[in-house]
Amino acid sequence: MPVLVHGEATDPAVDIFDREAVFMEQSMLPLLKRHPGLKVVIEHVTTAETVEIVRAHHGRAAGTITPHHLVINRTSIFQGGLRPHLYCLPVAKREQHRLALRKAVTSGDACFFIGTDTAPHNRSAKEALCCSAGVFGGASALQTYVQVFDEEGALDRFEAFASENGARFYGLPLNEGTIRLERKPTTLPQAVSVEHDEVIIFRGGESLPWSIAG
């Protein structure tokens, strides 16, 4: 049975931007050492160091990477003011880590695969005194991922990252259905209505260079 883990230290004394690194050092690496037969998926990897840990344990460790961590860094959260709809956990890190994540997903390494970590919190919960953590990226995930692969010159590696690596790590059959993406500009709505509120879509209202065909 594989262990799937959101890898962050929970000690409030640890700086929020260091919680992933501290967890990897104090908990994940000792766990991998103690249990050599254990398979682990580190969900929503956000640092260059965790990327290297996954690579070093290729075959028994894998990492998922979200679409939003590929296009925002920690400065994005404060660009022109506080942007609560970009606040998520693990929190976005420095630019050097974003670039490392882009290299990881487009590398062709089978130990990395899709994982949106989409979190559709109501607008009232995001724009609140104590803001909920999470980005609603599901609606724009594939369009964002494929844009990154296109920008990095790695479109030939996208299908494996999105559709094959995860299934093979879990020992599951590949999906027989297909989704066709095309390099055609599209604009998603800024939000979707939910009862008496709405959920803001990540990159909603923005012109995206890729769209889902049909």
N, C-alpha and C. Protein backbone atom coordinates (compact mmCIF):
# COMPACT_ATOMS: atom_id res chain seq x y z
N MET A 1 0.84 -1.19 0.00
CA MET A 1 0.00 0.00 0.00
C MET A 1 0.89 1.24 0.00
N PRO A 2 0.79 2.09 -1.02
CA PRO A 2 1.62 3.30 -1.04
C PRO A 2 1.14 4.34 -0.04
N VAL A 3 2.06 5.15 0.44
CA VAL A 3 1.75 6.27 1.32
C VAL A 3 1.69 7.53 0.47
N LEU A 4 0.58 8.23 0.54
CA LEU A 4 0.42 9.51 -0.16
C LEU A 4 0.42 10.61 0.89
N VAL A 5 1.33 11.56 0.76
CA VAL A 5 1.52 12.51 1.85
C VAL A 5 1.65 13.94 1.36
N HIS A 6 0.95 14.83 2.06
CA HIS A 6 1.18 16.28 1.93
C HIS A 6 2.33 16.57 2.87
N GLY A 7 3.51 16.79 2.31
CA GLY A 7 4.73 16.81 3.12
C GLY A 7 5.12 18.16 3.67
N GLU A 8 4.53 18.53 4.79
CA GLU A 8 4.92 19.76 5.46
C GLU A 8 4.96 19.54 6.97
N ALA A 9 5.95 20.17 7.61
CA ALA A 9 6.01 20.15 9.08
C ALA A 9 4.83 20.94 9.63
N THR A 10 4.29 20.48 10.73
CA THR A 10 3.13 21.14 11.33
C THR A 10 3.49 21.97 12.56
N ASP A 11 4.76 21.97 12.94
CA ASP A 11 5.21 22.76 14.08
C ASP A 11 5.05 24.25 13.74
N PRO A 12 4.23 25.00 14.49
CA PRO A 12 4.02 26.42 14.17
C PRO A 12 5.28 27.26 14.28
N ALA A 13 6.32 26.73 14.92
CA ALA A 13 7.58 27.47 15.05
C ALA A 13 8.38 27.46 13.74
N VAL A 14 8.02 26.54 12.82
CA VAL A 14 8.73 26.45 11.55
C VAL A 14 8.13 27.45 10.57
N ASP A 15 8.97 28.25 9.94
CA ASP A 15 8.53 29.23 8.95
C ASP A 15 7.73 28.53 7.86
N ILE A 16 6.63 29.13 7.44
CA ILE A 16 5.74 28.49 6.47
C ILE A 16 6.44 28.17 5.15
N PHE A 17 7.44 28.96 4.78
CA PHE A 17 8.15 28.71 3.53
C PHE A 17 9.19 27.59 3.68
N ASP A 18 9.45 27.15 4.90
CA ASP A 18 10.44 26.10 5.15
C ASP A 18 9.79 24.77 5.54
N ARG A 19 8.49 24.72 5.64
CA ARG A 19 7.83 23.54 6.21
C ARG A 19 7.97 22.29 5.36
N GLU A 20 8.01 22.46 4.05
CA GLU A 20 8.22 21.28 3.20
C GLU A 20 9.64 20.75 3.39
N ALA A 21 10.62 21.65 3.36
CA ALA A 21 12.02 21.22 3.49
C ALA A 21 12.27 20.55 4.84
N VAL A 22 11.69 21.09 5.90
CA VAL A 22 11.87 20.52 7.24
C VAL A 22 11.23 19.14 7.32
N PHE A 23 10.04 19.00 6.75
CA PHE A 23 9.38 17.69 6.77
C PHE A 23 10.20 16.65 6.03
N MET A 24 10.73 17.02 4.86
CA MET A 24 11.52 16.07 4.08
C MET A 24 12.75 15.60 4.86
N GLU A 25 13.40 16.54 5.53
CA GLU A 25 14.62 16.23 6.26
C GLU A 25 14.34 15.43 7.53
N GLN A 26 13.32 15.83 8.27
CA GLN A 26 13.06 15.23 9.58
C GLN A 26 12.15 14.02 9.53
N SER A 27 11.29 13.92 8.52
CA SER A 27 10.31 12.83 8.50
C SER A 27 10.40 11.93 7.27
N MET A 28 10.43 12.52 6.08
CA MET A 28 10.37 11.69 4.87
C MET A 28 11.63 10.88 4.65
N LEU A 29 12.80 11.51 4.71
CA LEU A 29 14.03 10.76 4.47
C LEU A 29 14.24 9.64 5.50
N PRO A 30 14.01 9.88 6.80
CA PRO A 30 14.10 8.77 7.77
C PRO A 30 13.09 7.66 7.48
N LEU A 31 11.88 8.04 7.04
CA LEU A 31 10.86 7.04 6.73
C LEU A 31 11.30 6.15 5.57
N LEU A 32 11.84 6.76 4.52
CA LEU A 32 12.31 5.99 3.37
C LEU A 32 13.46 5.07 3.76
N LYS A 33 14.30 5.54 4.67
CA LYS A 33 15.44 4.73 5.11
C LYS A 33 14.99 3.55 5.96
N ARG A 34 14.01 3.79 6.83
CA ARG A 34 13.53 2.71 7.72
C ARG A 34 12.76 1.64 6.98
N HIS A 35 12.07 2.03 5.90
CA HIS A 35 11.18 1.10 5.21
C HIS A 35 11.55 1.05 3.73
N PRO A 36 12.58 0.31 3.37
CA PRO A 36 13.08 0.29 2.00
C PRO A 36 12.08 -0.25 0.98
N GLY A 37 11.05 -0.98 1.43
CA GLY A 37 10.06 -1.51 0.50
C GLY A 37 8.85 -0.62 0.33
N LEU A 38 8.81 0.50 1.05
CA LEU A 38 7.65 1.38 1.03
C LEU A 38 7.62 2.24 -0.23
N LYS A 39 6.44 2.35 -0.85
CA LYS A 39 6.25 3.26 -1.97
C LYS A 39 5.57 4.52 -1.47
N VAL A 40 6.05 5.67 -1.90
CA VAL A 40 5.57 6.96 -1.40
C VAL A 40 5.28 7.90 -2.56
N VAL A 41 4.18 8.61 -2.45
CA VAL A 41 3.89 9.71 -3.37
C VAL A 41 3.88 11.00 -2.56
N ILE A 42 4.78 11.90 -2.89
CA ILE A 42 4.81 13.21 -2.24
C ILE A 42 3.92 14.12 -3.07
N GLU A 43 2.78 14.46 -2.50
CA GLU A 43 1.79 15.24 -3.24
C GLU A 43 2.18 16.72 -3.31
N HIS A 44 1.88 17.34 -4.44
CA HIS A 44 2.11 18.76 -4.74
C HIS A 44 3.47 19.26 -4.24
N VAL A 45 4.49 18.71 -4.86
CA VAL A 45 5.89 19.11 -4.60
C VAL A 45 6.06 20.60 -4.95
N THR A 46 6.79 21.34 -4.10
CA THR A 46 6.96 22.78 -4.38
C THR A 46 8.41 23.26 -4.31
N THR A 47 9.37 22.38 -4.01
CA THR A 47 10.74 22.86 -3.89
C THR A 47 11.71 22.03 -4.75
N ALA A 48 12.81 22.68 -5.11
CA ALA A 48 13.86 22.01 -5.87
C ALA A 48 14.44 20.85 -5.08
N GLU A 49 14.54 21.00 -3.77
CA GLU A 49 15.11 19.95 -2.92
C GLU A 49 14.23 18.70 -2.92
N THR A 50 12.92 18.88 -2.87
CA THR A 50 12.02 17.73 -2.89
C THR A 50 12.06 17.05 -4.25
N VAL A 51 12.20 17.81 -5.31
CA VAL A 51 12.36 17.24 -6.65
C VAL A 51 13.54 16.27 -6.66
N GLU A 52 14.65 16.68 -6.04
CA GLU A 52 15.84 15.82 -6.03
C GLU A 52 15.65 14.61 -5.14
N ILE A 53 14.90 14.74 -4.06
CA ILE A 53 14.61 13.59 -3.19
C ILE A 53 13.80 12.55 -3.96
N VAL A 54 12.80 13.02 -4.71
CA VAL A 54 11.99 12.10 -5.51
C VAL A 54 12.88 11.39 -6.53
N ARG A 55 13.72 12.15 -7.22
CA ARG A 55 14.61 11.55 -8.22
C ARG A 55 15.55 10.53 -7.60
N ALA A 56 16.07 10.84 -6.42
CA ALA A 56 17.03 9.95 -5.75
C ALA A 56 16.40 8.63 -5.35
N HIS A 57 15.07 8.62 -5.19
CA HIS A 57 14.36 7.40 -4.78
C HIS A 57 13.41 6.93 -5.89
N HIS A 58 13.80 7.23 -7.12
CA HIS A 58 13.02 6.86 -8.30
C HIS A 58 12.67 5.37 -8.26
N GLY A 59 11.41 5.07 -8.54
CA GLY A 59 10.96 3.68 -8.54
C GLY A 59 10.14 3.37 -7.32
N ARG A 60 10.50 3.99 -6.19
CA ARG A 60 9.71 3.78 -4.96
C ARG A 60 9.13 5.09 -4.45
N ALA A 61 9.54 6.20 -5.03
CA ALA A 61 8.97 7.50 -4.68
C ALA A 61 8.57 8.23 -5.94
N ALA A 62 7.48 8.96 -5.84
CA ALA A 62 7.00 9.77 -6.95
C ALA A 62 6.51 11.10 -6.40
N GLY A 63 6.35 12.06 -7.27
CA GLY A 63 5.87 13.37 -6.84
C GLY A 63 4.84 13.91 -7.81
N THR A 64 3.76 14.48 -7.27
CA THR A 64 2.81 15.18 -8.12
C THR A 64 3.11 16.68 -8.04
N ILE A 65 2.80 17.38 -9.11
CA ILE A 65 3.06 18.82 -9.18
C ILE A 65 1.83 19.50 -9.77
N THR A 66 1.39 20.56 -9.12
CA THR A 66 0.15 21.23 -9.51
C THR A 66 0.38 22.18 -10.68
N PRO A 67 -0.69 22.56 -11.37
CA PRO A 67 -0.53 23.55 -12.44
C PRO A 67 -0.18 24.93 -11.91
N HIS A 68 -0.77 25.31 -10.76
CA HIS A 68 -0.51 26.67 -10.27
C HIS A 68 0.91 26.86 -9.77
N HIS A 69 1.53 25.81 -9.20
CA HIS A 69 2.91 25.96 -8.75
C HIS A 69 3.89 26.06 -9.93
N LEU A 70 3.43 25.77 -11.13
CA LEU A 70 4.29 25.91 -12.32
C LEU A 70 4.26 27.32 -12.89
N VAL A 71 3.26 28.11 -12.50
CA VAL A 71 3.14 29.44 -13.11
C VAL A 71 3.15 30.59 -12.10
N ILE A 72 3.05 30.30 -10.81
CA ILE A 72 3.15 31.38 -9.82
C ILE A 72 4.30 31.09 -8.86
N ASN A 73 4.85 32.15 -8.29
CA ASN A 73 5.80 32.00 -7.20
C ASN A 73 5.27 32.78 -6.00
N ARG A 74 6.02 32.87 -4.93
CA ARG A 74 5.47 33.49 -3.73
C ARG A 74 5.22 34.98 -3.89
N THR A 75 5.96 35.63 -4.80
CA THR A 75 5.72 37.04 -5.06
C THR A 75 4.34 37.26 -5.69
N SER A 76 3.89 36.28 -6.47
CA SER A 76 2.59 36.41 -7.13
C SER A 76 1.46 36.64 -6.14
N ILE A 77 1.59 36.08 -4.95
CA ILE A 77 0.53 36.20 -3.94
C ILE A 77 0.37 37.64 -3.47
N PHE A 78 1.45 38.42 -3.60
CA PHE A 78 1.44 39.79 -3.11
C PHE A 78 1.56 40.82 -4.24
N GLN A 79 1.41 40.39 -5.49
CA GLN A 79 1.60 41.27 -6.63
C GLN A 79 0.50 42.32 -6.69
N GLY A 80 0.85 43.57 -6.42
CA GLY A 80 -0.14 44.65 -6.46
C GLY A 80 -1.11 44.66 -5.31
N GLY A 81 -0.87 43.83 -4.32
CA GLY A 81 -1.78 43.68 -3.19
C GLY A 81 -1.94 42.21 -2.86
N LEU A 82 -2.59 41.91 -1.75
CA LEU A 82 -2.76 40.51 -1.34
C LEU A 82 -3.78 39.81 -2.24
N ARG A 83 -3.39 38.69 -2.81
CA ARG A 83 -4.25 37.94 -3.72
C ARG A 83 -4.64 36.61 -3.06
N PRO A 84 -5.75 36.59 -2.33
CA PRO A 84 -6.12 35.40 -1.55
C PRO A 84 -6.41 34.17 -2.39
N HIS A 85 -6.81 34.37 -3.65
CA HIS A 85 -7.15 33.20 -4.48
C HIS A 85 -5.91 32.48 -5.00
N LEU A 86 -4.72 33.01 -4.71
CA LEU A 86 -3.47 32.33 -5.04
C LEU A 86 -2.83 31.72 -3.80
N TYR A 87 -3.47 31.88 -2.66
CA TYR A 87 -2.93 31.31 -1.41
C TYR A 87 -3.34 29.85 -1.31
N CYS A 88 -2.35 28.98 -1.19
CA CYS A 88 -2.60 27.55 -1.07
C CYS A 88 -1.55 26.95 -0.16
N LEU A 89 -1.74 25.69 0.17
CA LEU A 89 -0.74 24.94 0.94
C LEU A 89 -0.43 23.65 0.19
N PRO A 90 0.84 23.35 -0.02
CA PRO A 90 2.01 24.15 0.33
C PRO A 90 1.99 25.49 -0.39
N VAL A 91 2.43 26.51 0.31
CA VAL A 91 2.45 27.85 -0.26
C VAL A 91 3.48 27.90 -1.39
N ALA A 92 3.21 28.74 -2.39
CA ALA A 92 4.17 28.89 -3.49
C ALA A 92 5.50 29.41 -2.95
N LYS A 93 6.58 28.95 -3.57
CA LYS A 93 7.93 29.29 -3.09
C LYS A 93 8.62 30.30 -4.02
N ARG A 94 9.93 30.45 -3.82
CA ARG A 94 10.71 31.40 -4.62
C ARG A 94 10.73 30.98 -6.10
N GLU A 95 11.11 31.93 -6.95
CA GLU A 95 11.16 31.70 -8.38
C GLU A 95 12.08 30.54 -8.75
N GLN A 96 13.18 30.37 -8.04
CA GLN A 96 14.10 29.27 -8.37
C GLN A 96 13.41 27.92 -8.22
N HIS A 97 12.48 27.80 -7.30
CA HIS A 97 11.77 26.55 -7.11
C HIS A 97 10.73 26.34 -8.21
N ARG A 98 10.05 27.41 -8.60
CA ARG A 98 9.09 27.29 -9.72
C ARG A 98 9.80 26.79 -10.97
N LEU A 99 10.97 27.34 -11.26
CA LEU A 99 11.72 26.92 -12.45
C LEU A 99 12.15 25.45 -12.34
N ALA A 100 12.51 25.03 -11.13
CA ALA A 100 12.90 23.63 -10.92
C ALA A 100 11.71 22.69 -11.14
N LEU A 101 10.52 23.12 -10.74
CA LEU A 101 9.33 22.31 -10.94
C LEU A 101 9.02 22.17 -12.43
N ARG A 102 9.18 23.25 -13.17
CA ARG A 102 8.94 23.20 -14.61
C ARG A 102 9.91 22.24 -15.29
N LYS A 103 11.16 22.26 -14.86
CA LYS A 103 12.14 21.34 -15.43
C LYS A 103 11.80 19.89 -15.07
N ALA A 104 11.29 19.69 -13.87
CA ALA A 104 10.95 18.33 -13.42
C ALA A 104 9.81 17.75 -14.24
N VAL A 105 8.72 18.51 -14.39
CA VAL A 105 7.56 17.96 -15.09
C VAL A 105 7.85 17.72 -16.57
N THR A 106 8.70 18.54 -17.16
CA THR A 106 8.97 18.41 -18.59
C THR A 106 10.21 17.56 -18.90
N SER A 107 10.80 16.98 -17.86
CA SER A 107 12.03 16.21 -18.03
C SER A 107 11.82 14.86 -18.70
N GLY A 108 10.59 14.35 -18.59
CA GLY A 108 10.34 13.00 -19.06
C GLY A 108 10.54 11.96 -17.99
N ASP A 109 10.98 12.36 -16.81
CA ASP A 109 11.17 11.42 -15.69
C ASP A 109 9.83 10.86 -15.26
N ALA A 110 9.72 9.53 -15.20
CA ALA A 110 8.45 8.88 -14.89
C ALA A 110 8.02 9.03 -13.44
N CYS A 111 8.90 9.56 -12.59
CA CYS A 111 8.56 9.71 -11.18
C CYS A 111 7.74 10.97 -10.89
N PHE A 112 7.44 11.75 -11.92
CA PHE A 112 6.60 12.94 -11.74
C PHE A 112 5.34 12.80 -12.58
N PHE A 113 4.20 13.14 -11.97
CA PHE A 113 2.95 13.08 -12.73
C PHE A 113 1.94 14.09 -12.21
N ILE A 114 0.85 14.17 -12.94
CA ILE A 114 -0.16 15.20 -12.73
C ILE A 114 -0.81 15.07 -11.35
N GLY A 115 -1.14 16.22 -10.77
CA GLY A 115 -1.85 16.27 -9.49
C GLY A 115 -2.30 17.70 -9.26
N THR A 116 -3.58 17.98 -9.49
CA THR A 116 -4.03 19.37 -9.48
C THR A 116 -4.16 19.97 -8.09
N ASP A 117 -4.45 19.14 -7.08
CA ASP A 117 -4.72 19.64 -5.73
C ASP A 117 -5.76 20.77 -5.79
N THR A 118 -6.75 20.60 -6.65
CA THR A 118 -7.75 21.65 -6.83
C THR A 118 -8.63 21.77 -5.59
N ALA A 119 -8.93 23.01 -5.21
CA ALA A 119 -9.66 23.26 -3.96
C ALA A 119 -10.71 24.35 -4.21
N PRO A 120 -11.95 23.96 -4.48
CA PRO A 120 -12.98 24.94 -4.81
C PRO A 120 -13.63 25.58 -3.59
N HIS A 121 -12.89 26.45 -2.91
CA HIS A 121 -13.46 27.18 -1.78
C HIS A 121 -14.34 28.32 -2.29
N ASN A 122 -15.43 28.57 -1.60
CA ASN A 122 -16.28 29.70 -1.94
C ASN A 122 -15.51 31.00 -1.83
N ARG A 123 -15.93 31.98 -2.64
CA ARG A 123 -15.28 33.28 -2.61
C ARG A 123 -15.32 33.89 -1.21
N SER A 124 -16.41 33.71 -0.51
CA SER A 124 -16.54 34.27 0.83
C SER A 124 -15.55 33.65 1.81
N ALA A 125 -15.13 32.40 1.55
CA ALA A 125 -14.15 31.75 2.42
C ALA A 125 -12.73 32.18 2.07
N LYS A 126 -12.51 32.56 0.82
CA LYS A 126 -11.19 33.02 0.39
C LYS A 126 -10.97 34.49 0.75
N GLU A 127 -12.00 35.29 0.60
CA GLU A 127 -11.90 36.72 0.90
C GLU A 127 -12.46 36.97 2.29
N ALA A 128 -11.78 36.39 3.27
CA ALA A 128 -12.27 36.40 4.65
C ALA A 128 -11.18 36.84 5.61
N LEU A 129 -11.57 37.08 6.86
CA LEU A 129 -10.61 37.48 7.89
C LEU A 129 -9.52 36.44 8.04
N CYS A 130 -9.91 35.16 7.98
CA CYS A 130 -8.95 34.05 8.00
C CYS A 130 -9.17 33.24 6.74
N CYS A 131 -8.37 33.52 5.73
CA CYS A 131 -8.57 32.99 4.38
C CYS A 131 -8.31 31.48 4.31
N SER A 132 -9.20 30.75 3.64
CA SER A 132 -8.99 29.31 3.40
C SER A 132 -7.87 29.12 2.40
N ALA A 133 -7.10 28.05 2.58
CA ALA A 133 -5.99 27.76 1.68
C ALA A 133 -6.46 26.85 0.56
N GLY A 134 -6.13 27.24 -0.67
CA GLY A 134 -6.48 26.39 -1.80
C GLY A 134 -6.73 27.19 -3.05
N VAL A 135 -6.41 26.59 -4.19
CA VAL A 135 -6.62 27.21 -5.50
C VAL A 135 -7.54 26.31 -6.31
N PHE A 136 -8.58 26.88 -6.91
CA PHE A 136 -9.48 26.09 -7.76
C PHE A 136 -8.90 26.05 -9.17
N GLY A 137 -8.02 25.08 -9.38
CA GLY A 137 -7.32 24.98 -10.65
C GLY A 137 -7.83 23.89 -11.57
N GLY A 138 -8.83 23.12 -11.13
CA GLY A 138 -9.29 22.00 -11.94
C GLY A 138 -9.80 22.40 -13.31
N ALA A 139 -10.50 23.54 -13.38
CA ALA A 139 -11.11 23.97 -14.64
C ALA A 139 -10.08 24.40 -15.68
N SER A 140 -8.91 24.82 -15.22
CA SER A 140 -7.88 25.32 -16.15
C SER A 140 -6.60 24.49 -16.09
N ALA A 141 -6.66 23.34 -15.43
CA ALA A 141 -5.45 22.55 -15.19
C ALA A 141 -4.78 22.07 -16.47
N LEU A 142 -5.52 21.36 -17.32
CA LEU A 142 -4.91 20.80 -18.53
C LEU A 142 -4.40 21.89 -19.45
N GLN A 143 -5.16 22.98 -19.55
CA GLN A 143 -4.73 24.09 -20.41
C GLN A 143 -3.44 24.71 -19.88
N THR A 144 -3.29 24.76 -18.55
CA THR A 144 -2.09 25.34 -17.96
C THR A 144 -0.90 24.40 -18.10
N TYR A 145 -1.12 23.13 -17.81
CA TYR A 145 -0.03 22.15 -17.95
C TYR A 145 0.52 22.14 -19.37
N VAL A 146 -0.38 22.03 -20.35
CA VAL A 146 0.10 21.91 -21.73
C VAL A 146 0.77 23.19 -22.18
N GLN A 147 0.35 24.33 -21.69
CA GLN A 147 1.03 25.59 -22.01
C GLN A 147 2.47 25.56 -21.51
N VAL A 148 2.67 25.03 -20.29
CA VAL A 148 4.02 24.93 -19.73
C VAL A 148 4.88 24.01 -20.58
N PHE A 149 4.34 22.85 -20.96
CA PHE A 149 5.10 21.92 -21.79
C PHE A 149 5.43 22.54 -23.14
N ASP A 150 4.50 23.29 -23.69
CA ASP A 150 4.72 23.97 -24.97
C ASP A 150 5.84 25.00 -24.82
N GLU A 151 5.78 25.81 -23.77
CA GLU A 151 6.79 26.84 -23.55
C GLU A 151 8.18 26.24 -23.32
N GLU A 152 8.21 25.04 -22.74
CA GLU A 152 9.49 24.39 -22.45
C GLU A 152 9.95 23.48 -23.60
N GLY A 153 9.22 23.48 -24.70
CA GLY A 153 9.60 22.66 -25.85
C GLY A 153 9.52 21.17 -25.57
N ALA A 154 8.51 20.75 -24.80
CA ALA A 154 8.43 19.35 -24.39
C ALA A 154 7.03 18.77 -24.60
N LEU A 155 6.34 19.19 -25.64
CA LEU A 155 4.99 18.68 -25.87
C LEU A 155 4.97 17.16 -26.05
N ASP A 156 6.04 16.60 -26.56
CA ASP A 156 6.10 15.16 -26.77
C ASP A 156 6.13 14.38 -25.45
N ARG A 157 6.36 15.06 -24.34
CA ARG A 157 6.42 14.41 -23.03
C ARG A 157 5.17 14.65 -22.19
N PHE A 158 4.24 15.41 -22.74
CA PHE A 158 3.07 15.80 -21.94
C PHE A 158 2.13 14.63 -21.66
N GLU A 159 1.87 13.80 -22.66
CA GLU A 159 0.93 12.70 -22.48
C GLU A 159 1.38 11.76 -21.36
N ALA A 160 2.67 11.47 -21.31
CA ALA A 160 3.17 10.57 -20.26
C ALA A 160 2.96 11.18 -18.88
N PHE A 161 3.28 12.47 -18.73
CA PHE A 161 3.11 13.14 -17.44
C PHE A 161 1.64 13.16 -17.03
N ALA A 162 0.75 13.47 -17.98
CA ALA A 162 -0.65 13.65 -17.64
C ALA A 162 -1.43 12.34 -17.53
N SER A 163 -1.06 11.32 -18.32
CA SER A 163 -1.92 10.15 -18.45
C SER A 163 -1.29 8.80 -18.15
N GLU A 164 0.05 8.73 -18.10
CA GLU A 164 0.67 7.42 -18.02
C GLU A 164 1.50 7.19 -16.76
N ASN A 165 2.30 8.18 -16.37
CA ASN A 165 3.25 7.95 -15.26
C ASN A 165 2.56 7.57 -13.96
N GLY A 166 1.47 8.25 -13.65
CA GLY A 166 0.75 7.96 -12.42
C GLY A 166 0.17 6.56 -12.40
N ALA A 167 -0.49 6.20 -13.50
CA ALA A 167 -1.10 4.87 -13.58
C ALA A 167 -0.05 3.77 -13.45
N ARG A 168 1.09 3.97 -14.10
CA ARG A 168 2.14 2.94 -14.05
C ARG A 168 2.74 2.84 -12.65
N PHE A 169 2.88 3.97 -11.96
CA PHE A 169 3.42 3.92 -10.60
C PHE A 169 2.49 3.12 -9.69
N TYR A 170 1.18 3.29 -9.88
CA TYR A 170 0.19 2.58 -9.05
C TYR A 170 -0.13 1.18 -9.57
N GLY A 171 0.42 0.84 -10.73
CA GLY A 171 0.14 -0.48 -11.30
C GLY A 171 -1.27 -0.61 -11.84
N LEU A 172 -1.81 0.49 -12.38
CA LEU A 172 -3.17 0.50 -12.91
C LEU A 172 -3.14 0.55 -14.44
N PRO A 173 -4.21 0.05 -15.08
CA PRO A 173 -4.26 0.13 -16.54
C PRO A 173 -4.43 1.58 -17.00
N LEU A 174 -3.90 1.88 -18.18
CA LEU A 174 -4.06 3.22 -18.72
C LEU A 174 -5.50 3.45 -19.13
N ASN A 175 -5.95 4.69 -19.01
CA ASN A 175 -7.30 5.03 -19.47
C ASN A 175 -7.40 4.81 -20.98
N GLU A 176 -8.56 4.33 -21.40
CA GLU A 176 -8.77 4.10 -22.83
C GLU A 176 -9.34 5.33 -23.52
N GLY A 177 -9.98 6.21 -22.77
CA GLY A 177 -10.54 7.42 -23.34
C GLY A 177 -9.46 8.46 -23.59
N THR A 178 -9.79 9.48 -24.38
CA THR A 178 -8.82 10.53 -24.70
C THR A 178 -9.45 11.91 -24.55
N ILE A 179 -8.60 12.88 -24.31
CA ILE A 179 -8.98 14.29 -24.33
C ILE A 179 -8.05 14.97 -25.33
N ARG A 180 -8.62 15.78 -26.21
CA ARG A 180 -7.81 16.43 -27.23
C ARG A 180 -7.64 17.90 -26.88
N LEU A 181 -6.41 18.34 -26.83
CA LEU A 181 -6.09 19.74 -26.56
C LEU A 181 -5.60 20.38 -27.86
N GLU A 182 -5.93 21.63 -28.06
CA GLU A 182 -5.49 22.32 -29.26
C GLU A 182 -4.96 23.70 -28.93
N ARG A 183 -3.96 24.13 -29.72
CA ARG A 183 -3.38 25.45 -29.52
C ARG A 183 -4.33 26.48 -30.11
N LYS A 184 -5.34 26.79 -29.33
CA LYS A 184 -6.39 27.71 -29.74
C LYS A 184 -6.77 28.55 -28.54
N PRO A 185 -6.67 29.87 -28.63
CA PRO A 185 -6.96 30.72 -27.47
C PRO A 185 -8.37 30.52 -26.93
N THR A 186 -8.47 30.54 -25.62
CA THR A 186 -9.77 30.41 -24.97
C THR A 186 -9.74 31.22 -23.68
N THR A 187 -10.90 31.64 -23.25
CA THR A 187 -11.01 32.37 -21.99
C THR A 187 -12.10 31.72 -21.14
N LEU A 188 -11.70 31.24 -19.98
CA LEU A 188 -12.65 30.64 -19.06
C LEU A 188 -13.36 31.73 -18.27
N PRO A 189 -14.57 31.45 -17.77
CA PRO A 189 -15.23 32.44 -16.91
C PRO A 189 -14.40 32.69 -15.66
N GLN A 190 -14.55 33.86 -15.10
CA GLN A 190 -13.78 34.20 -13.90
C GLN A 190 -14.20 33.36 -12.70
N ALA A 191 -15.46 32.96 -12.68
CA ALA A 191 -15.97 32.22 -11.53
C ALA A 191 -17.12 31.32 -11.95
N VAL A 192 -17.45 30.36 -11.09
CA VAL A 192 -18.63 29.52 -11.27
C VAL A 192 -19.54 29.72 -10.07
N SER A 193 -20.82 29.78 -10.32
CA SER A 193 -21.78 30.00 -9.24
C SER A 193 -21.96 28.73 -8.42
N VAL A 194 -22.02 28.90 -7.11
CA VAL A 194 -22.25 27.78 -6.20
C VAL A 194 -23.26 28.25 -5.15
N GLU A 195 -24.50 27.78 -5.30
CA GLU A 195 -25.59 28.19 -4.41
C GLU A 195 -25.66 29.72 -4.35
N HIS A 196 -25.45 30.31 -3.18
CA HIS A 196 -25.54 31.76 -3.05
C HIS A 196 -24.16 32.43 -3.08
N ASP A 197 -23.16 31.72 -3.59
CA ASP A 197 -21.80 32.24 -3.62
C ASP A 197 -21.20 31.90 -4.98
N GLU A 198 -19.88 32.02 -5.09
CA GLU A 198 -19.18 31.62 -6.31
C GLU A 198 -17.78 31.17 -5.96
N VAL A 199 -17.17 30.43 -6.89
CA VAL A 199 -15.80 29.96 -6.73
C VAL A 199 -14.97 30.56 -7.86
N ILE A 200 -13.89 31.23 -7.49
CA ILE A 200 -13.02 31.86 -8.47
C ILE A 200 -12.15 30.79 -9.14
N ILE A 201 -12.11 30.80 -10.47
CA ILE A 201 -11.33 29.84 -11.24
C ILE A 201 -9.90 30.36 -11.41
N PHE A 202 -8.93 29.51 -11.16
CA PHE A 202 -7.53 29.89 -11.39
C PHE A 202 -7.33 30.21 -12.86
N ARG A 203 -6.87 31.43 -13.13
CA ARG A 203 -6.65 31.96 -14.48
C ARG A 203 -7.96 32.25 -15.21
N GLY A 204 -9.07 32.23 -14.47
CA GLY A 204 -10.35 32.60 -15.08
C GLY A 204 -10.34 34.05 -15.54
N GLY A 205 -10.93 34.30 -16.68
CA GLY A 205 -10.93 35.64 -17.24
C GLY A 205 -9.67 35.98 -18.02
N GLU A 206 -8.69 35.10 -17.97
CA GLU A 206 -7.41 35.32 -18.66
C GLU A 206 -7.43 34.58 -20.00
N SER A 207 -6.84 35.17 -21.02
CA SER A 207 -6.76 34.49 -22.31
C SER A 207 -5.70 33.38 -22.24
N LEU A 208 -6.13 32.15 -22.41
CA LEU A 208 -5.22 31.00 -22.35
C LEU A 208 -4.90 30.57 -23.79
N PRO A 209 -3.64 30.25 -24.06
CA PRO A 209 -3.26 29.90 -25.43
C PRO A 209 -3.73 28.51 -25.88
N TRP A 210 -4.11 27.66 -24.93
CA TRP A 210 -4.55 26.31 -25.25
C TRP A 210 -5.99 26.10 -24.76
N SER A 211 -6.70 25.22 -25.45
CA SER A 211 -8.05 24.91 -25.04
C SER A 211 -8.33 23.41 -25.19
N ILE A 212 -9.40 22.97 -24.56
CA ILE A 212 -9.84 21.58 -24.69
C ILE A 212 -10.79 21.51 -25.87
N ALA A 213 -10.47 20.70 -26.84
CA ALA A 213 -11.27 20.60 -28.06
C ALA A 213 -12.64 19.97 -27.77
N GLY A 214 -13.67 20.50 -28.39
CA GLY A 214 -15.00 19.92 -28.27
C GLY A 214 -15.67 20.22 -26.96
